[in-house]
């Protein structure tokens, strides 16, 4: 039996609670991640953050074509 079939065999209320549990787990992870990084000393310095922001900056330019 596949995982999808097993999931579909659950009662609708159980699937709903399972979904809310996954959402809560993800939310707690996103909330606690910066705190854990800070506690472990994994926070980037201001210089590293500026360099990363510069590298991640995407510039988009428009090219006008004749006839448009």
Protein backbone atom coordinates (compact mmCIF):
# COMPACT_ATOMS: atom_id res chain seq x y z
CA UNK A 1 0.00 0.00 0.00
CA UNK A 2 1.41 3.38 -0.98
CA UNK A 3 1.75 6.32 1.36
CA UNK A 4 -0.95 8.25 -0.52
CA UNK A 5 -3.37 5.33 -0.23
CA UNK A 6 -2.67 5.04 3.48
CA UNK A 7 -3.24 8.78 3.91
CA UNK A 8 -6.50 8.65 1.97
CA UNK A 9 -7.70 5.76 4.14
CA UNK A 10 -7.58 7.97 7.24
CA UNK A 11 -10.78 9.59 8.45
CA UNK A 12 -11.27 13.16 7.18
CA UNK A 13 -10.98 14.60 10.68
CA UNK A 14 -7.70 12.74 11.22
CA UNK A 15 -6.33 14.09 7.93
CA UNK A 16 -7.36 17.59 8.97
CA UNK A 17 -5.63 17.27 12.34
CA UNK A 18 -2.58 15.80 10.63
CA UNK A 19 -2.45 18.79 8.25
CA UNK A 20 -2.80 21.29 11.08
CA UNK A 21 -0.06 19.44 12.96
CA UNK A 22 2.30 19.76 10.00
CA UNK A 23 1.50 23.46 9.68
CA UNK A 24 2.13 23.98 13.41
CA UNK A 25 5.41 22.04 13.22
CA UNK A 26 6.58 24.19 10.29
CA UNK A 27 5.52 27.39 12.05
CA UNK A 28 7.39 26.48 15.23
CA UNK A 29 10.45 25.63 13.16
CA UNK A 30 10.36 28.96 11.34
CA UNK A 31 9.84 30.84 14.60
CA UNK A 32 12.62 29.08 16.51
CA UNK A 33 15.21 28.85 13.71
CA UNK A 34 16.63 32.39 14.15
CA UNK A 35 16.84 31.90 17.91
CA UNK A 36 18.73 28.62 17.53
CA UNK A 37 21.09 30.12 14.94
CA UNK A 38 21.80 33.01 17.28
CA UNK A 39 22.44 30.67 20.22
CA UNK A 40 24.89 28.63 18.14
CA UNK A 41 26.70 31.72 16.87
CA UNK A 42 25.67 31.18 13.25
CA UNK A 43 24.41 34.72 12.65
CA UNK A 44 26.16 36.40 9.69
CA UNK A 45 28.13 39.56 10.29
CA UNK A 46 26.94 42.81 8.76
CA UNK A 47 29.67 42.57 6.10
CA UNK A 48 28.69 38.99 5.18
CA UNK A 49 25.02 39.96 4.99
CA UNK A 50 25.77 42.95 2.73
CA UNK A 51 27.88 40.75 0.44
CA UNK A 52 25.10 38.17 0.23
CA UNK A 53 22.50 40.85 -0.49
CA UNK A 54 24.73 42.24 -3.25
CA UNK A 55 25.18 38.81 -4.83
CA UNK A 56 21.47 38.02 -4.61
CA UNK A 57 20.44 41.34 -6.21
CA UNK A 58 18.84 40.65 -9.57
CA UNK A 59 18.71 43.45 -12.09
CA UNK A 60 16.03 43.30 -14.75
CA UNK A 61 16.13 45.60 -17.73
CA UNK A 62 13.65 46.10 -20.52
CA UNK A 63 14.69 46.02 -24.15
CA UNK A 64 12.50 48.03 -26.49
CA UNK A 65 12.04 46.36 -29.85
CA UNK A 66 11.05 48.26 -32.94
CA UNK A 67 7.45 47.75 -34.00
CA UNK A 68 6.06 47.01 -30.48
